[in-house]
C-alpha atoms as a PDB file:
ATOM      1  CA  MET A   1     -20.124  11.897   0.699  1.00  0.00           C
ATOM      2  CA  ASN A   2     -17.853  11.602  -2.084  1.00  0.00           C
ATOM      3  CA  GLN A   3     -15.901  14.909  -1.323  1.00  0.00           C
ATOM      4  CA  SER A   4     -14.173  12.917   1.562  1.00  0.00           C
ATOM      5  CA  ARG A   5     -12.401  10.747  -0.578  1.00  0.00           C
ATOM      6  CA  VAL A   6     -10.407  13.433  -2.622  1.00  0.00           C
ATOM      7  CA  GLY A   7      -6.800  12.973  -2.132  1.00  0.00           C
ATOM      8  CA  LYS A   8      -7.527   8.913  -0.957  1.00  0.00           C
ATOM      9  CA  VAL A   9      -6.022   6.160  -2.915  1.00  0.00           C
ATOM     10  CA  GLU A  10      -8.606   3.809  -4.371  1.00  0.00           C
ATOM     11  CA  GLU A  11      -8.286   0.386  -6.211  1.00  0.00           C
ATOM     12  CA  VAL A  12     -10.228   0.520  -9.163  1.00  0.00           C
ATOM     13  CA  LEU A  13     -11.379  -2.664 -11.593  1.00  0.00           C
ATOM     14  CA  VAL A  14     -11.104  -1.188 -14.680  1.00  0.00           C
ATOM     15  CA  GLU A  15     -14.521  -1.840 -16.864  1.00  0.00           C
ATOM     16  CA  ASN A  16     -14.054  -0.043 -20.186  1.00  0.00           C
ATOM     17  CA  GLU A  17     -12.957   2.968 -21.939  1.00  0.00           C
ATOM     18  CA  ALA A  18     -14.964   6.244 -21.718  1.00  0.00           C
ATOM     19  CA  MET A  19     -17.235   6.854 -24.164  1.00  0.00           C
ATOM     20  CA  GLU A  20     -18.283  10.311 -23.448  1.00  0.00           C
ATOM     21  CA  SER A  21     -15.746  12.933 -25.099  1.00  0.00           C
ATOM     22  CA  HIS A  22     -16.100  14.911 -21.638  1.00  0.00           C
ATOM     23  CA  ASN A  23     -14.656  11.643 -19.925  1.00  0.00           C
ATOM     24  CA  SER A  24     -11.917  10.877 -21.701  1.00  0.00           C
ATOM     25  CA  GLY A  25      -9.716   7.846 -20.342  1.00  0.00           C
ATOM     26  CA  VAL A  26     -11.085   4.678 -18.812  1.00  0.00           C
ATOM     27  CA  PHE A  27     -13.529   3.844 -15.879  1.00  0.00           C
ATOM     28  CA  GLY A  28     -14.001   1.603 -13.293  1.00  0.00           C
ATOM     29  CA  ARG A  29     -15.561   0.706  -9.837  1.00  0.00           C
ATOM     30  CA  THR A  30     -13.991   0.950  -6.447  1.00  0.00           C
ATOM     31  CA  ALA A  31     -14.221  -1.528  -4.100  1.00  0.00           C
ATOM     32  CA  GLN A  32     -17.324   0.076  -2.854  1.00  0.00           C
ATOM     33  CA  GLY A  33     -18.839   0.310  -6.139  1.00  0.00           C
ATOM     34  CA  ILE A  34     -18.285   3.897  -6.818  1.00  0.00           C
ATOM     35  CA  LEU A  35     -17.752   4.886 -10.456  1.00  0.00           C
ATOM     36  CA  MET A  36     -14.546   6.471 -11.190  1.00  0.00           C
ATOM     37  CA  ASN A  37     -12.674   7.920 -14.536  1.00  0.00           C
ATOM     38  CA  PHE A  38      -9.291   8.707 -15.242  1.00  0.00           C
ATOM     39  CA  PRO A  39      -6.656   8.718 -17.888  1.00  0.00           C
ATOM     40  CA  GLY A  40      -5.870   5.185 -19.563  1.00  0.00           C
ATOM     41  CA  ASP A  41      -6.285   3.321 -22.357  1.00  0.00           C
ATOM     42  CA  ALA A  42      -7.986  -0.190 -23.513  1.00  0.00           C
ATOM     43  CA  SER A  43      -4.671  -2.140 -22.316  1.00  0.00           C
ATOM     44  CA  LEU A  44      -5.887  -1.429 -18.536  1.00  0.00           C
ATOM     45  CA  VAL A  45      -9.649  -3.007 -19.233  1.00  0.00           C
ATOM     46  CA  GLY A  46      -9.741  -5.714 -16.514  1.00  0.00           C
ATOM     47  CA  ALA A  47      -6.597  -4.733 -14.490  1.00  0.00           C
ATOM     48  CA  ILE A  48      -6.811  -3.507 -10.765  1.00  0.00           C
ATOM     49  CA  VAL A  49      -5.029  -0.592 -10.739  1.00  0.00           C
ATOM     50  CA  LYS A  50      -4.216   2.042  -7.764  1.00  0.00           C
ATOM     51  CA  THR A  51      -5.389   5.556  -8.239  1.00  0.00           C
ATOM     52  CA  GLU A  52      -5.775   9.143  -6.507  1.00  0.00           C
ATOM     53  CA  VAL A  53      -8.997  10.628  -6.134  1.00  0.00           C
ATOM     54  CA  THR A  54      -8.691  14.094  -7.534  1.00  0.00           C
ATOM     55  CA  GLU A  55     -12.428  15.308  -7.881  1.00  0.00           C
ATOM     56  CA  ALA A  56     -15.498  13.957  -6.616  1.00  0.00           C
ATOM     57  CA  THR A  57     -19.250  14.559  -7.397  1.00  0.00           C
ATOM     58  CA  ALA A  58     -22.178  12.861  -5.849  1.00  0.00           C
ATOM     59  CA  PHE A  59     -21.997   9.989  -8.620  1.00  0.00           C
ATOM     60  CA  LEU A  60     -18.557  10.149  -9.791  1.00  0.00           C
ATOM     61  CA  LEU A  61     -14.864  10.103  -8.888  1.00  0.00           C
ATOM     62  CA  LYS A  62     -12.135  11.413 -11.321  1.00  0.00           C
ATOM     63  CA  GLY A  63      -8.503  10.333 -10.573  1.00  0.00           C
ATOM     64  CA  ARG A  64      -5.240   9.577 -11.668  1.00  0.00           C
ATOM     65  CA  ILE A  65      -3.043   6.210 -11.878  1.00  0.00           C
ATOM     66  CA  LEU A  66      -0.288   6.080  -9.405  1.00  0.00           C
END
């Protein structure tokens, strides 16, 4: 299901810095509530940012800030 989102633009509410070493950067949720991880720092927490989805798994999107 999430594979169809690859290449799409999503607005993400940044919730926190990623804690796991394999998921560096920050994470947040799309308007649909899907968890997304992308490069960034603590200054983005609380912001809504436009991102492009670059990878997708069943439970997580990965992307980059536009």
